[in-house]
Amino acid sequence: MTPITILLVVCGYFVLLLLISYFTGRKANNSGFFVGNKQSPWYVVAFGMVGASLSGVTFISVPGWVKSIDFTYMQMVFGYMLGYIVVANLLLPLYYKLNLTSIYSYLDGRFGRISYKTGALFFLLSRTIGASFRLFLMANVLQITVFDAWGIPFAVTVIITILLIWLYTFKGGIKTIVWTDTLQTLFMLLAVGVSIYLIMDKLHLDISGLSEMISKSDYSQVFEFDDWKSKQNFFKQFFTGAFITIVMTGLDQDMMQKNLSCKNLGEAKKNMYWYGFAFIPANLLFLILGALLLLFAQHEGIAIPERGDDLFPLLATQHLGPVVSLFFLVGLMAAAYSSADSALTSLTTSFTVDILGADENDELRTKKLRRHSHILFSFLLLIVIMIFRVINDDSVIAAIFTVAGYTYGPLLGLYAFGMFTKYQVKDKRVPYVAILAPVICYVLKDNSLAWFGISIGFELLMINGALTFLGLFLISKRKKK
């Protein structure tokens, strides 16, 4: 595709998003921005959350994972379903009972003000880094495919990208996001489906031929029960998947804000069940695409890139023709922006409510605070993306992103301790526990092979939460009456 064609596609895409924003956000108040006036249809929320979960990182990375881990990622996906059941029956009833706008308000009533601020700050840190990283990937693609040819600096590309997101979210917030995410999920899944169909056509495969080819390939393994030391061991993957869902969905303001926009608890539960179920075939599609890409490369004698993340972009833009290239671009935009727009909205909500202490009953002051916060985090995303660009080192960026992932462990420990014990903690000491647990985990991960002869993978999240739980127990002072 020519740069002009790509630019027209990008512009057309954003015109659609801005139209949705206009109709959903023109009468939105603070309640509409924060929780969609609790009028969001559960089935729309469920479908849109699939796209928000499958970010640009997933869109690029999951197909590339097949090269190294086959289909064993599905073990974690099955674990996700267990996590969604826990969230629906344990956390959602709590949030609806307390009528929360920010889920971290729970920590204020349970432990105290400092614990509350600590939980919110950990979310703000992690989500800011995560959203910036995903937008960095998208901006990089636009820079390489369009703006480099016109001599436009990367900073301008990023400013335009964030400005467009700001334009369609600053009025309606979650009321708009629920509908734009639905459109973007449709585009993303359509991109994957069309890519699979066109590759099958090039390889002269039907459905049965596709199934047979993948099953006979080197990439068909789904389950790993034998090797306990392997990161792909079923039990490690399954239970880690469950805990990842509990933490990165149930304890994440970004994902829960959409659930809290449903009309009532019953509809929020329906949303969670159906969203969790839909996540299984959605991820399976990405893995099938990854296997097809590898088999197509082998069939055509194309060198498979060393980095798995380069597999889909390389074949889509250079070897599979303009139609796949077009759908790749649309799918990547849909995946990246459906994650980034909801992240910006949740960051604005958490900062306005949790840090600035906005009172929703004061409509004018709260509206002013959230608009200022929206601008602040748009600017902050720009700064972090530019820092990634300056670093320009995959290993360093990956380390930063991994460290940001550690911040969910303290949230897991805080909520588990609050919900499953009656003990109160010394509120002022909670930040020390929340910082120390991830630091210990970082040291453990780097040295586990040398010290214990095992490699620690995603299960580190559970260790992180357990260490936080233990630390909170050590600083508990009395039973809560």
Protein backbone atom coordinates (compact mmCIF):
# COMPACT_ATOMS: atom_id res chain seq x y z
CA MET A 1 0.00 0.00 0.00
CA THR A 2 1.11 3.54 -0.71
CA PRO A 3 1.44 6.07 2.13
CA ILE A 4 -1.55 7.99 0.71
CA THR A 5 -3.74 4.88 0.84
CA ILE A 6 -2.68 4.16 4.43
CA LEU A 7 -3.36 7.76 5.45
CA LEU A 8 -6.84 7.65 3.88
CA VAL A 9 -7.60 4.43 5.78
CA VAL A 10 -6.44 5.99 9.07
CA CYS A 11 -8.49 9.15 8.47
CA GLY A 12 -11.60 7.18 7.53
CA TYR A 13 -11.20 5.04 10.62
CA PHE A 14 -11.06 8.06 12.92
CA VAL A 15 -13.99 9.76 11.21
CA LEU A 16 -16.09 6.75 12.28
CA LEU A 17 -14.82 7.01 15.87
CA LEU A 18 -15.50 10.76 16.00
CA LEU A 19 -19.04 10.25 14.70
CA ILE A 20 -19.72 7.72 17.46
CA SER A 21 -18.19 10.13 19.96
CA TYR A 22 -20.44 12.96 18.78
CA PHE A 23 -23.67 10.99 19.24
CA THR A 24 -22.72 9.35 22.55
CA GLY A 25 -20.92 12.22 24.23
CA ARG A 26 -22.94 15.34 23.41
CA LYS A 27 -25.12 15.09 26.56
CA ALA A 28 -22.69 13.24 28.81
CA ASN A 29 -22.26 14.49 32.38
CA ASN A 30 -19.75 13.30 35.00
CA SER A 31 -21.76 10.15 35.65
CA GLY A 32 -21.79 9.48 31.91
CA PHE A 33 -18.03 9.93 31.69
CA PHE A 34 -17.24 7.76 34.73
CA VAL A 35 -19.86 4.96 34.57
CA GLY A 36 -21.96 5.63 31.45
CA ASN A 37 -24.93 6.66 33.64
CA LYS A 38 -25.15 2.90 34.37
CA GLN A 39 -27.10 2.40 31.15
CA SER A 40 -24.66 0.38 29.01
CA PRO A 41 -26.16 -2.78 27.43
CA TRP A 42 -24.25 -5.75 28.84
CA TYR A 43 -23.85 -7.49 25.46
CA VAL A 44 -22.26 -4.37 23.94
CA VAL A 45 -19.88 -4.07 26.90
CA ALA A 46 -18.95 -7.77 26.64
CA PHE A 47 -18.13 -7.61 22.94
CA GLY A 48 -16.14 -4.39 23.29
CA MET A 49 -14.10 -5.73 26.21
CA VAL A 50 -12.68 -8.47 23.97
CA GLY A 51 -10.98 -5.83 21.84
CA ALA A 52 -9.84 -3.83 24.86
CA SER A 53 -8.19 -6.96 26.31
CA LEU A 54 -6.62 -8.02 23.01
CA SER A 55 -4.36 -4.99 22.65
CA GLY A 56 -1.93 -4.12 19.87
CA VAL A 57 0.70 -6.15 21.73
CA THR A 58 -1.56 -9.22 21.52
CA PHE A 59 -2.37 -8.56 17.87
CA ILE A 60 1.32 -8.62 16.96
CA SER A 61 2.77 -10.95 19.61
CA VAL A 62 0.36 -13.90 19.99
CA PRO A 63 0.73 -15.14 16.38
CA GLY A 64 4.51 -14.94 16.84
CA TRP A 65 4.39 -16.97 20.07
CA VAL A 66 3.36 -20.10 18.14
CA LYS A 67 6.95 -20.37 16.92
CA SER A 68 8.26 -20.89 20.47
CA ILE A 69 5.36 -22.19 22.58
CA ASP A 70 3.04 -23.86 20.01
CA PHE A 71 -0.62 -23.68 21.14
CA THR A 72 0.19 -24.04 24.86
CA TYR A 73 -0.95 -20.44 25.42
CA MET A 74 -4.49 -21.90 25.35
CA GLN A 75 -3.78 -23.45 28.77
CA MET A 76 -3.59 -19.93 30.17
CA VAL A 77 -6.68 -18.87 28.21
CA PHE A 78 -8.67 -21.71 29.82
CA GLY A 79 -7.45 -20.40 33.18
CA TYR A 80 -8.77 -16.97 32.25
CA MET A 81 -12.29 -18.41 32.21
CA LEU A 82 -11.95 -19.54 35.83
CA GLY A 83 -10.74 -16.04 36.70
CA TYR A 84 -13.77 -14.43 35.06
CA ILE A 85 -16.09 -16.65 37.12
CA VAL A 86 -14.30 -15.52 40.31
CA VAL A 87 -14.53 -11.85 39.31
CA ALA A 88 -18.23 -12.16 38.49
CA ASN A 89 -19.13 -13.81 41.78
CA LEU A 90 -16.67 -12.28 44.23
CA LEU A 91 -15.57 -8.81 43.13
CA LEU A 92 -18.50 -7.48 41.10
CA PRO A 93 -21.01 -8.00 43.96
CA LEU A 94 -18.67 -6.05 46.26
CA TYR A 95 -18.30 -3.14 43.82
CA TYR A 96 -22.03 -2.90 43.16
CA LYS A 97 -22.89 -3.21 46.84
CA LEU A 98 -20.60 -0.26 47.66
CA ASN A 99 -21.77 1.64 44.53
CA LEU A 100 -18.18 2.47 43.57
CA THR A 101 -16.99 4.75 40.78
CA SER A 102 -13.34 3.90 41.36
CA ILE A 103 -12.80 0.35 42.60
CA TYR A 104 -9.86 1.49 44.76
CA SER A 105 -12.28 3.38 47.03
CA TYR A 106 -12.83 0.00 48.69
CA LEU A 107 -9.32 0.18 50.17
CA ASP A 108 -10.17 3.48 51.89
CA GLY A 109 -13.01 1.98 53.89
CA ARG A 110 -11.20 -1.28 54.60
CA PHE A 111 -7.68 -0.12 55.53
CA GLY A 112 -7.41 3.66 55.44
CA ARG A 113 -6.48 6.64 53.32
CA ILE A 114 -2.82 5.75 52.71
CA SER A 115 -3.64 2.19 51.60
CA TYR A 116 -6.30 3.64 49.27
CA LYS A 117 -3.87 6.09 47.68
CA THR A 118 -1.21 3.37 47.41
CA GLY A 119 -3.52 1.06 45.47
CA ALA A 120 -4.60 3.85 43.12
CA LEU A 121 -1.01 4.99 42.49
CA PHE A 122 0.10 1.45 41.65
CA PHE A 123 -2.70 1.25 39.08
CA LEU A 124 -1.83 4.68 37.63
CA LEU A 125 1.83 3.72 37.26
CA SER A 126 1.16 0.35 35.64
CA ARG A 127 -1.57 1.51 33.28
CA THR A 128 0.37 4.61 32.18
CA ILE A 129 3.39 2.51 31.20
CA GLY A 130 1.26 -0.21 29.60
CA ALA A 131 -0.89 2.18 27.55
CA SER A 132 2.18 4.14 26.45
CA PHE A 133 3.93 0.97 25.33
CA ARG A 134 0.94 -0.13 23.23
CA LEU A 135 0.61 3.28 21.63
CA PHE A 136 4.36 3.33 20.99
CA LEU A 137 3.99 0.16 18.89
CA MET A 138 1.13 1.65 16.87
CA ALA A 139 2.86 5.00 16.34
CA ASN A 140 5.98 3.15 15.20
CA VAL A 141 4.00 1.31 12.50
CA LEU A 142 2.44 4.56 11.25
CA GLN A 143 5.85 6.24 11.28
CA ILE A 144 7.50 3.49 9.22
CA THR A 145 4.64 3.00 6.75
CA VAL A 146 3.50 6.60 6.25
CA PHE A 147 5.25 9.50 7.91
CA ASP A 148 8.91 8.59 7.30
CA ALA A 149 8.23 8.86 3.57
CA TRP A 150 7.01 12.43 4.10
CA GLY A 151 9.79 13.47 6.48
CA ILE A 152 7.40 13.99 9.43
CA PRO A 153 9.10 13.60 12.86
CA PHE A 154 8.03 10.78 15.19
CA ALA A 155 6.98 13.32 17.84
CA VAL A 156 4.39 14.77 15.45
CA THR A 157 3.06 11.27 14.74
CA VAL A 158 2.60 10.65 18.46
CA ILE A 159 0.97 14.03 19.07
CA ILE A 160 -1.54 13.39 16.27
CA THR A 161 -2.24 9.87 17.58
CA ILE A 162 -2.94 11.01 21.15
CA LEU A 163 -4.86 14.10 20.02
CA LEU A 164 -7.25 11.92 18.03
CA ILE A 165 -7.85 9.66 21.05
CA TRP A 166 -8.39 12.71 23.25
CA LEU A 167 -10.91 14.17 20.78
CA TYR A 168 -13.24 11.18 20.84
CA THR A 169 -12.99 10.47 24.58
CA PHE A 170 -12.84 13.82 26.40
CA LYS A 171 -16.61 14.42 26.43
CA GLY A 172 -18.26 11.03 26.68
CA GLY A 173 -15.61 8.99 28.50
CA ILE A 174 -16.86 5.48 29.24
CA LYS A 175 -20.22 6.26 27.62
CA THR A 176 -18.38 6.66 24.32
CA ILE A 177 -15.75 3.95 24.92
CA VAL A 178 -18.37 1.21 25.29
CA TRP A 179 -19.50 1.82 21.69
CA THR A 180 -16.15 2.65 20.06
CA ASP A 181 -14.64 -0.50 21.58
CA THR A 182 -17.45 -2.55 20.03
CA LEU A 183 -16.63 -1.18 16.59
CA GLN A 184 -12.92 -1.71 17.12
CA THR A 185 -13.38 -5.29 18.34
CA LEU A 186 -15.36 -6.01 15.17
CA PHE A 187 -12.59 -4.57 12.99
CA MET A 188 -9.87 -6.46 14.85
CA LEU A 189 -11.57 -9.87 14.66
CA LEU A 190 -12.50 -9.20 11.03
CA ALA A 191 -8.83 -8.48 10.27
CA VAL A 192 -7.73 -11.78 11.80
CA GLY A 193 -10.53 -13.75 10.09
CA VAL A 194 -9.86 -12.24 6.65
CA SER A 195 -6.10 -12.82 7.03
CA ILE A 196 -6.70 -16.50 7.89
CA TYR A 197 -9.07 -16.91 4.94
CA LEU A 198 -6.68 -15.33 2.43
CA ILE A 199 -3.68 -17.35 3.63
CA MET A 200 -5.78 -20.53 3.42
CA ASP A 201 -6.67 -19.55 -0.14
CA LYS A 202 -3.00 -19.09 -1.06
CA LEU A 203 -2.21 -22.53 0.41
CA HIS A 204 -5.33 -24.07 -1.26
CA LEU A 205 -6.76 -25.20 2.06
CA ASP A 206 -10.32 -25.72 3.26
CA ILE A 207 -11.32 -26.04 6.94
CA SER A 208 -10.53 -29.76 7.14
CA GLY A 209 -7.23 -29.22 5.31
CA LEU A 210 -6.33 -26.40 7.70
CA SER A 211 -7.06 -28.60 10.72
CA GLU A 212 -5.03 -31.48 9.28
CA MET A 213 -2.06 -29.29 8.35
CA ILE A 214 -1.85 -27.69 11.81
CA SER A 215 -2.29 -31.01 13.64
CA LYS A 216 0.56 -32.57 11.65
CA SER A 217 2.84 -29.55 12.08
CA ASP A 218 5.42 -28.94 14.80
CA TYR A 219 3.16 -26.28 16.35
CA SER A 220 0.10 -28.32 17.40
CA GLN A 221 0.89 -29.03 21.07
CA VAL A 222 -1.77 -27.60 23.40
CA PHE A 223 -1.09 -29.25 26.76
CA GLU A 224 2.13 -29.82 28.71
CA PHE A 225 1.72 -32.03 31.78
CA ASP A 226 5.06 -33.83 32.06
CA ASP A 227 7.72 -31.16 32.64
CA TRP A 228 7.17 -29.40 35.99
CA LYS A 229 10.13 -27.10 35.39
CA SER A 230 8.75 -25.81 32.10
CA LYS A 231 7.06 -22.41 31.94
CA GLN A 232 4.44 -24.11 29.72
CA ASN A 233 3.42 -26.66 32.36
CA PHE A 234 -0.40 -26.92 32.40
CA PHE A 235 -0.89 -26.25 36.09
CA LYS A 236 1.43 -23.23 36.06
CA GLN A 237 -0.29 -21.79 32.98
CA PHE A 238 -3.87 -22.55 34.04
CA PHE A 239 -3.73 -21.11 37.56
CA THR A 240 -1.56 -18.21 36.46
CA GLY A 241 -4.20 -17.41 33.82
CA ALA A 242 -6.89 -17.40 36.51
CA PHE A 243 -4.92 -15.05 38.76
CA ILE A 244 -3.97 -12.77 35.86
CA THR A 245 -7.68 -12.36 35.10
CA ILE A 246 -8.60 -11.72 38.73
CA VAL A 247 -5.93 -9.03 39.00
CA MET A 248 -5.74 -7.48 35.53
CA THR A 249 -9.52 -7.50 35.06
CA GLY A 250 -11.13 -7.66 38.51
CA LEU A 251 -8.65 -5.29 40.22
CA ASP A 252 -8.10 -3.01 37.22
CA GLN A 253 -10.07 0.23 37.02
CA ASP A 254 -9.80 0.19 33.23
CA MET A 255 -11.65 -3.11 32.81
CA MET A 256 -14.02 -2.76 35.78
CA GLN A 257 -15.16 0.71 34.76
CA LYS A 258 -16.93 -0.84 31.77
CA ASN A 259 -18.58 -3.45 34.01
CA LEU A 260 -19.72 -0.76 36.43
CA SER A 261 -21.49 1.00 33.55
CA CYS A 262 -23.99 -1.89 33.24
CA LYS A 263 -27.52 -1.32 34.54
CA ASN A 264 -27.25 -3.67 37.53
CA LEU A 265 -25.22 -6.49 39.03
CA GLY A 266 -27.13 -9.18 37.13
CA GLU A 267 -26.27 -7.63 33.77
CA ALA A 268 -22.66 -7.05 34.83
CA LYS A 269 -22.37 -10.77 35.62
CA LYS A 270 -23.83 -11.70 32.22
CA ASN A 271 -21.28 -9.41 30.61
CA MET A 272 -18.42 -11.08 32.48
CA TYR A 273 -19.53 -14.64 31.66
CA TRP A 274 -20.04 -13.99 27.96
CA TYR A 275 -16.91 -11.90 27.63
CA GLY A 276 -14.88 -14.68 29.30
CA PHE A 277 -16.40 -17.29 26.99
CA ALA A 278 -15.76 -15.19 23.86
CA PHE A 279 -12.13 -14.75 24.86
CA ILE A 280 -11.41 -18.47 24.20
CA PRO A 281 -12.27 -18.57 20.44
CA ALA A 282 -10.80 -15.08 19.96
CA ASN A 283 -7.39 -16.18 21.24
CA LEU A 284 -7.63 -19.46 19.32
CA LEU A 285 -8.04 -17.43 16.12
CA PHE A 286 -4.76 -15.60 16.82
CA LEU A 287 -2.93 -18.88 17.40
CA ILE A 288 -4.36 -20.41 14.21
CA LEU A 289 -3.20 -17.29 12.35
CA GLY A 290 0.28 -17.69 13.85
CA ALA A 291 0.51 -21.34 12.75
CA LEU A 292 -0.70 -20.42 9.26
CA LEU A 293 1.86 -17.63 8.96
CA LEU A 294 4.67 -20.02 9.91
CA LEU A 295 3.44 -22.71 7.51
CA PHE A 296 3.03 -20.18 4.71
CA ALA A 297 6.59 -18.91 5.26
CA GLN A 298 7.92 -22.47 5.10
CA HIS A 299 5.88 -23.23 1.98
CA GLU A 300 7.15 -20.12 0.20
CA GLY A 301 10.74 -20.44 1.41
CA ILE A 302 10.57 -17.16 3.35
CA ALA A 303 13.04 -16.80 6.20
CA ILE A 304 11.18 -16.77 9.52
CA PRO A 305 12.23 -13.71 11.53
CA GLU A 306 14.12 -14.33 14.76
CA ARG A 307 11.76 -12.10 16.77
CA GLY A 308 8.25 -13.55 16.96
CA ASP A 309 6.78 -10.03 17.04
CA ASP A 310 8.09 -9.44 13.49
CA LEU A 311 6.30 -12.44 11.95
CA PHE A 312 2.82 -11.00 11.28
CA PRO A 313 3.96 -7.46 10.29
CA LEU A 314 6.64 -8.82 7.91
CA LEU A 315 4.40 -11.28 6.05
CA ALA A 316 1.34 -9.01 6.04
CA THR A 317 3.13 -5.99 4.58
CA GLN A 318 5.63 -7.69 2.24
CA HIS A 319 4.42 -11.14 1.16
CA LEU A 320 0.64 -11.56 1.46
CA GLY A 321 -0.58 -8.80 -0.83
CA PRO A 322 -2.34 -5.44 -0.42
CA VAL A 323 -5.62 -6.80 0.98
CA VAL A 324 -3.95 -8.57 3.93
CA SER A 325 -1.74 -5.51 4.41
CA LEU A 326 -4.83 -3.30 4.58
CA PHE A 327 -6.60 -5.53 7.10
CA PHE A 328 -3.41 -5.83 9.14
CA LEU A 329 -3.27 -2.03 9.47
CA VAL A 330 -6.98 -1.76 10.38
CA GLY A 331 -6.72 -4.62 12.88
CA LEU A 332 -3.62 -3.16 14.50
CA MET A 333 -5.27 0.26 14.85
CA ALA A 334 -8.41 -1.32 16.30
CA ALA A 335 -6.43 -3.39 18.81
CA ALA A 336 -4.13 -0.54 19.85
CA TYR A 337 -6.76 2.18 20.15
CA SER A 338 -9.44 0.07 21.84
CA SER A 339 -6.91 -0.52 24.62
CA ALA A 340 -5.47 3.01 24.71
CA ASP A 341 -8.75 4.95 24.72
CA SER A 342 -10.19 3.01 27.66
CA ALA A 343 -6.84 3.32 29.47
CA LEU A 344 -6.90 7.11 29.10
CA THR A 345 -10.47 7.22 30.40
CA SER A 346 -9.71 5.00 33.41
CA LEU A 347 -6.54 6.96 34.24
CA THR A 348 -8.57 10.16 34.16
CA THR A 349 -11.27 8.62 36.37
CA SER A 350 -8.86 7.18 38.94
CA PHE A 351 -6.77 10.34 39.20
CA THR A 352 -9.84 12.59 39.45
CA VAL A 353 -11.65 10.47 42.05
CA ASP A 354 -8.83 8.76 43.96
CA ILE A 355 -6.04 11.35 43.96
CA LEU A 356 -7.85 14.69 43.57
CA GLY A 357 -10.82 13.55 45.66
CA ALA A 358 -13.51 14.90 43.34
CA ASP A 359 -17.06 14.87 44.69
CA GLU A 360 -19.52 13.64 42.05
CA ASN A 361 -22.26 15.71 43.67
CA ASP A 362 -20.32 18.85 42.73
CA GLU A 363 -20.93 18.61 38.99
CA LEU A 364 -19.05 21.73 37.85
CA ARG A 365 -15.91 21.25 39.94
CA THR A 366 -15.70 17.54 39.10
CA LYS A 367 -16.15 18.27 35.39
CA LYS A 368 -13.31 20.80 35.54
CA LEU A 369 -11.03 18.39 37.42
CA ARG A 370 -11.65 15.46 35.07
CA ARG A 371 -11.03 17.59 31.97
CA HIS A 372 -7.76 18.84 33.41
CA SER A 373 -6.84 15.26 34.35
CA HIS A 374 -7.70 14.09 30.84
CA ILE A 375 -5.29 16.64 29.35
CA LEU A 376 -2.63 15.79 31.95
CA PHE A 377 -2.63 12.07 31.16
CA SER A 378 -2.73 12.69 27.41
CA PHE A 379 0.43 14.74 27.85
CA LEU A 380 1.94 12.13 30.19
CA LEU A 381 1.35 9.36 27.62
CA LEU A 382 3.16 11.52 25.06
CA ILE A 383 6.16 11.95 27.37
CA VAL A 384 6.45 8.24 28.20
CA ILE A 385 6.16 7.24 24.52
CA MET A 386 8.97 9.65 23.64
CA ILE A 387 11.09 8.14 26.44
CA PHE A 388 10.56 4.70 24.87
CA ARG A 389 11.66 6.17 21.55
CA VAL A 390 14.84 7.64 23.05
CA ILE A 391 15.71 4.36 24.81
CA ASN A 392 15.10 2.45 21.55
CA ASP A 393 16.30 -0.79 23.13
CA ASP A 394 13.89 -3.76 23.10
CA SER A 395 15.44 -5.38 26.19
CA VAL A 396 15.22 -2.19 28.27
CA ILE A 397 11.65 -1.47 27.18
CA ALA A 398 10.64 -5.07 27.89
CA ALA A 399 12.17 -4.78 31.37
CA ILE A 400 10.23 -1.57 32.06
CA PHE A 401 7.02 -3.19 30.86
CA THR A 402 7.68 -6.26 33.01
CA VAL A 403 8.33 -4.15 36.10
CA ALA A 404 5.04 -2.34 35.48
CA GLY A 405 3.35 -5.74 35.47
CA TYR A 406 4.68 -6.38 38.96
CA THR A 407 2.50 -3.58 40.30
CA TYR A 408 -0.61 -5.77 40.12
CA GLY A 409 0.81 -8.16 42.74
CA PRO A 410 0.39 -5.68 45.61
CA LEU A 411 -3.20 -5.04 44.49
CA LEU A 412 -3.85 -8.78 44.61
CA GLY A 413 -2.41 -8.99 48.14
CA LEU A 414 -4.32 -5.92 49.36
CA TYR A 415 -7.72 -7.10 48.14
CA ALA A 416 -7.16 -10.70 49.25
CA PHE A 417 -6.16 -9.57 52.74
CA GLY A 418 -9.10 -7.18 52.92
CA MET A 419 -11.71 -9.66 51.74
CA PHE A 420 -10.53 -12.87 53.42
CA THR A 421 -9.34 -11.65 56.81
CA LYS A 422 -10.81 -9.49 59.55
CA TYR A 423 -7.47 -7.98 60.49
CA GLN A 424 -6.72 -4.28 60.26
CA VAL A 425 -3.26 -3.08 59.21
CA LYS A 426 -1.06 -0.18 60.19
CA ASP A 427 -2.09 2.06 57.34
CA LYS A 428 1.13 4.11 57.19
CA ARG A 429 3.26 1.00 56.63
CA VAL A 430 1.28 -0.36 53.68
CA PRO A 431 3.35 1.50 50.99
CA TYR A 432 6.55 -0.15 52.28
CA VAL A 433 5.00 -3.62 51.92
CA ALA A 434 3.61 -2.78 48.47
CA ILE A 435 7.05 -1.66 47.24
CA LEU A 436 9.09 -4.40 48.93
CA ALA A 437 7.05 -7.33 47.52
CA PRO A 438 7.73 -6.52 43.81
CA VAL A 439 11.41 -5.85 44.57
CA ILE A 440 11.77 -9.30 46.16
CA CYS A 441 9.95 -10.83 43.17
CA TYR A 442 12.30 -9.12 40.73
CA VAL A 443 15.32 -10.59 42.55
CA LEU A 444 13.67 -14.03 42.70
CA LYS A 445 12.89 -14.07 38.97
CA ASP A 446 16.47 -13.14 38.04
CA ASN A 447 18.03 -15.80 40.28
CA SER A 448 15.48 -18.63 40.52
CA LEU A 449 17.27 -20.83 37.99
CA ALA A 450 20.61 -20.51 39.77
CA TRP A 451 19.16 -20.80 43.30
CA PHE A 452 16.39 -23.39 42.88
CA GLY A 453 16.94 -24.94 39.44
CA ILE A 454 13.55 -23.74 38.17
CA SER A 455 12.49 -20.91 35.89
CA ILE A 456 9.77 -18.60 37.19
CA GLY A 457 7.34 -17.28 34.59
CA PHE A 458 3.91 -15.70 34.83
CA GLU A 459 3.32 -17.41 38.18
CA LEU A 460 5.39 -14.58 39.67
CA LEU A 461 2.12 -12.65 40.00
CA MET A 462 0.87 -15.19 42.57
CA ILE A 463 4.18 -15.03 44.47
CA ASN A 464 3.98 -11.24 44.44
CA GLY A 465 0.45 -11.29 45.84
CA ALA A 466 1.38 -13.86 48.50
CA LEU A 467 4.37 -11.79 49.64
CA THR A 468 2.15 -8.71 49.91
CA PHE A 469 -0.43 -10.70 51.87
CA LEU A 470 2.29 -11.95 54.26
CA GLY A 471 3.68 -8.43 54.67
CA LEU A 472 0.22 -7.06 55.49
CA PHE A 473 -0.25 -9.80 58.08
CA LEU A 474 3.07 -8.84 59.69
CA ILE A 475 1.96 -5.20 60.04
CA SER A 476 -1.59 -6.03 61.16
CA LYS A 477 -2.37 -4.56 64.56
CA ARG A 478 -5.76 -5.85 65.68
CA LYS A 479 -8.94 -7.53 64.56
CA LYS A 480 -11.45 -5.23 62.94
CA LYS A 481 -14.66 -5.00 64.90
